[in-house]
Protein backbone atom coordinates (compact mmCIF):
# COMPACT_ATOMS: atom_id res chain seq x y z
CA MET A 1 -78.14 54.50 65.03
CA GLY A 2 -74.73 56.16 64.36
CA ILE A 3 -72.69 53.18 65.06
CA PRO A 4 -69.88 52.10 62.22
CA VAL A 5 -70.54 49.15 60.34
CA LEU A 6 -67.49 49.24 58.13
CA ILE A 7 -63.88 49.47 59.84
CA LEU A 8 -60.70 49.48 57.68
CA GLU A 9 -57.32 48.76 59.01
CA VAL A 10 -54.03 49.03 57.07
CA THR A 11 -51.07 47.12 58.35
CA SER A 12 -48.68 49.17 60.01
CA ASP A 13 -46.10 46.45 61.21
CA VAL A 14 -45.43 42.52 60.43
CA SER A 15 -46.66 41.09 63.72
CA LYS A 16 -50.17 42.06 62.70
CA HIS A 17 -51.21 43.66 66.08
CA ASP A 18 -53.12 46.32 64.17
CA MET A 19 -55.38 43.28 62.93
CA TRP A 20 -56.20 41.75 66.05
CA ARG A 21 -57.02 45.52 67.35
CA MET A 22 -59.33 45.46 64.45
CA PHE A 23 -60.94 42.35 65.47
CA LEU A 24 -61.45 43.70 69.09
CA GLN A 25 -62.81 46.92 68.00
CA GLY A 26 -65.09 45.15 65.82
CA ALA A 27 -66.38 42.68 68.48
CA CYS A 28 -67.00 45.68 70.88
CA LEU A 29 -69.02 47.26 68.07
CA VAL A 30 -71.17 44.09 67.60
CA ARG A 31 -71.99 43.93 71.11
CA LEU A 32 -72.90 47.54 71.51
CA GLY A 33 -75.06 47.35 68.34
CA ASN A 34 -76.92 44.26 69.55
CA SER A 35 -77.35 45.74 72.85
CA LEU A 36 -78.94 48.86 71.51
CA LEU A 37 -81.17 47.30 69.13
CA LYS A 38 -84.93 46.94 69.81
CA SER A 39 -86.16 43.40 70.45
CA GLY A 40 -87.27 41.81 66.96
CA SER A 41 -84.51 43.73 64.87
CA PRO A 42 -82.43 41.82 62.71
CA PRO A 43 -78.95 41.24 64.44
CA PHE A 44 -76.11 43.71 64.22
CA ILE A 45 -73.15 42.98 61.89
CA VAL A 46 -70.03 44.71 61.34
CA ARG A 47 -67.79 44.46 58.04
CA ALA A 48 -63.98 44.85 58.64
CA ILE A 49 -61.30 44.90 55.99
CA TYR A 50 -57.51 44.55 56.81
CA ILE A 51 -54.97 45.32 54.08
CA ASP A 52 -51.55 43.53 54.62
CA GLN A 53 -48.10 44.35 53.66
CA ASP A 54 -48.52 42.42 50.30
CA TYR A 55 -51.54 44.56 49.40
CA TYR A 56 -54.00 41.58 49.94
CA ALA A 57 -57.32 42.90 51.31
CA SER A 58 -59.38 40.29 53.56
CA GLU A 59 -62.97 41.10 54.29
CA TYR A 60 -64.24 39.71 57.65
CA THR A 61 -68.03 39.89 58.72
CA LEU A 62 -68.43 40.06 62.52
CA TYR A 63 -71.58 39.04 64.12
CA GLN A 64 -72.79 37.87 67.61
CA ALA A 65 -73.77 34.14 67.73
CA ASP A 66 -77.50 33.65 68.80
CA SER A 67 -76.91 29.81 69.69
CA GLN A 68 -75.36 28.61 72.66
CA THR A 69 -72.15 26.60 72.24
CA PRO A 70 -71.08 24.28 75.12
CA GLY A 71 -69.16 26.07 77.88
CA ASP A 72 -70.27 29.48 76.62
CA GLU A 73 -73.35 31.63 77.65
CA GLU A 74 -75.85 32.51 75.14
CA GLY A 75 -74.47 35.19 72.63
CA GLU A 76 -70.84 35.41 74.25
CA VAL A 77 -69.17 34.26 70.95
CA ILE A 78 -68.34 36.73 68.24
CA LYS A 79 -68.42 34.95 65.05
CA VAL A 80 -66.11 36.05 62.17
CA ILE A 81 -66.42 35.04 58.30
CA VAL A 82 -63.35 35.67 56.19
CA LEU A 83 -63.34 36.80 52.42
CA LEU A 84 -59.93 37.32 50.73
CA ILE A 85 -60.69 40.20 48.31
CA ALA A 86 -57.71 40.57 45.80
CA LYS A 87 -53.88 41.19 45.37
C-alpha cells in the first residue's frame, strides 16, 4: 500500500511536543490506512517508537477501535498500547 507502518521520534525538547506530534501523525496514518483497505481486510495498525532525553524507548501500537463507546461514533477513537523497551 505504501503507507508507513513504523514511525520513530527522538526527543528534541523537554515538553515532549514531538511525542504528541508523533501520536497525531500516527492517528492520521491509521485512519488513512483503514479508509484505503478493502472490506474484509485486517485492521491497519501503526507502530511508533519514542526515545526520550534519558534514552528510554517507548513503543506504541496505534489502531482504530471497531467497537462503539458511549458518546463516540463507531471507529472515531484511536487506541494506543504502550510498551517500554529499554534504558
